[in-house]
């Protein structure tokens, strides 16, 4: 798994954890998992998490735990977690879209 988190996305995710009173110094963090939409397209969902689930990979950034479900790495073997600046939305996209 190769997953990169941009500094801007990491800052927004840290703010989200703080607002939800989730402690990243323990096991609190963010979970990434793939899900299918009603139209059948795959998308990555981002959720706040109290800790990891079995089988999740851990990516650590200063003050941020990111739990990555294997469904995400199947969808995007090399991905970037980035901030879409127009709406300050976190997106997960293939690395080659840089």
Protein backbone atom coordinates (compact mmCIF):
# COMPACT_ATOMS: atom_id res chain seq x y z
CA UNK A 1 0.00 0.00 0.00
CA UNK A 2 1.28 3.40 -0.93
CA UNK A 3 -0.88 6.13 0.53
CA UNK A 4 0.16 9.75 0.82
CA UNK A 5 -1.66 12.40 2.83
CA UNK A 6 -1.15 16.00 1.78
CA UNK A 7 -0.39 18.48 4.58
CA UNK A 8 -3.64 20.35 3.85
CA UNK A 9 -5.73 17.18 4.12
CA UNK A 10 -3.94 16.15 7.32
CA UNK A 11 -4.73 19.54 8.88
CA UNK A 12 -8.45 19.22 8.08
CA UNK A 13 -8.55 15.65 9.39
CA UNK A 14 -6.82 16.70 12.63
CA UNK A 15 -9.36 19.54 13.06
CA UNK A 16 -12.20 17.04 12.52
CA UNK A 17 -10.80 14.76 15.22
CA UNK A 18 -10.45 17.68 17.63
CA UNK A 19 -14.04 18.84 16.99
CA UNK A 20 -15.31 15.30 17.62
CA UNK A 21 -13.19 14.98 20.81
CA UNK A 22 -11.38 11.93 19.41
CA UNK A 23 -7.93 11.51 20.91
CA UNK A 24 -5.32 10.66 18.28
CA UNK A 25 -2.73 10.11 21.02
CA UNK A 26 -4.64 6.96 21.95
CA UNK A 27 -6.13 4.91 19.11
CA UNK A 28 -8.56 7.51 17.76
CA UNK A 29 -8.28 8.41 14.11
CA UNK A 30 -9.81 8.32 10.68
CA UNK A 31 -10.94 5.26 8.74
CA UNK A 32 -10.82 4.94 4.95
CA UNK A 33 -12.95 2.25 3.33
CA UNK A 34 -14.29 1.65 -0.15
CA UNK A 35 -18.02 1.43 -0.79
CA UNK A 36 -20.19 1.08 -3.86
CA UNK A 37 -22.67 3.81 -4.71
CA UNK A 38 -26.20 3.10 -5.91
CA UNK A 39 -24.94 3.45 -9.48
CA UNK A 40 -22.32 0.77 -8.89
CA UNK A 41 -19.29 3.05 -8.89
CA UNK A 42 -16.72 2.59 -6.13
CA UNK A 43 -15.94 5.46 -3.81
CA UNK A 44 -13.82 5.89 -0.68
CA UNK A 45 -15.63 6.84 2.51
CA UNK A 46 -13.87 8.69 5.30
CA UNK A 47 -15.11 8.12 8.85
CA UNK A 48 -14.01 9.11 12.32
CA UNK A 49 -12.87 6.08 14.32
CA UNK A 50 -12.22 5.28 17.98
CA UNK A 51 -9.66 2.68 16.94
CA UNK A 52 -8.68 0.17 14.27
CA UNK A 53 -10.76 -2.73 13.04
CA UNK A 54 -9.24 -6.13 12.38
CA UNK A 55 -7.22 -6.24 9.18
CA UNK A 56 -6.83 -2.48 8.73
CA UNK A 57 -3.44 -1.01 7.88
CA UNK A 58 -2.26 1.93 9.98
CA UNK A 59 -0.77 5.07 8.48
CA UNK A 60 0.50 7.53 11.07
CA UNK A 61 1.13 11.20 10.61
CA UNK A 62 1.97 13.54 13.50
CA UNK A 63 -1.26 13.80 15.54
CA UNK A 64 -3.20 11.61 13.10
CA UNK A 65 -3.95 7.88 12.81
CA UNK A 66 -5.39 6.74 9.49
CA UNK A 67 -6.87 3.23 9.39
CA UNK A 68 -7.02 1.91 5.84
CA UNK A 69 -9.31 -0.97 4.92
CA UNK A 70 -7.94 -3.40 2.33
CA UNK A 71 -10.83 -2.45 0.03
CA UNK A 72 -9.17 0.96 -0.46
CA UNK A 73 -5.84 -0.52 -1.52
CA UNK A 74 -7.67 -2.83 -3.93
CA UNK A 75 -9.38 0.20 -5.46
CA UNK A 76 -6.30 2.47 -5.43
CA UNK A 77 -2.98 0.63 -4.90
CA UNK A 78 -1.24 4.02 -4.91
CA UNK A 79 -3.41 6.82 -3.59
CA UNK A 80 -3.33 10.39 -2.31
CA UNK A 81 -5.59 11.77 0.41
CA UNK A 82 -5.95 15.42 -0.58
CA UNK A 83 -8.03 18.51 0.07
CA UNK A 84 -10.32 19.67 -2.71
CA UNK A 85 -9.87 23.40 -2.09
CA UNK A 86 -13.10 24.77 -3.53
CA UNK A 87 -15.30 23.13 -0.88
CA UNK A 88 -12.61 22.02 1.61
CA UNK A 89 -13.60 18.40 0.99
CA UNK A 90 -11.26 15.50 1.63
CA UNK A 91 -10.85 13.27 -1.42
CA UNK A 92 -9.00 10.02 -2.03
CA UNK A 93 -7.72 9.67 -5.58
CA UNK A 94 -5.17 7.67 -7.52
CA UNK A 95 -1.66 9.07 -7.19
CA UNK A 96 -1.31 9.47 -10.99
CA UNK A 97 -3.90 12.29 -10.99
CA UNK A 98 -1.33 14.69 -9.48
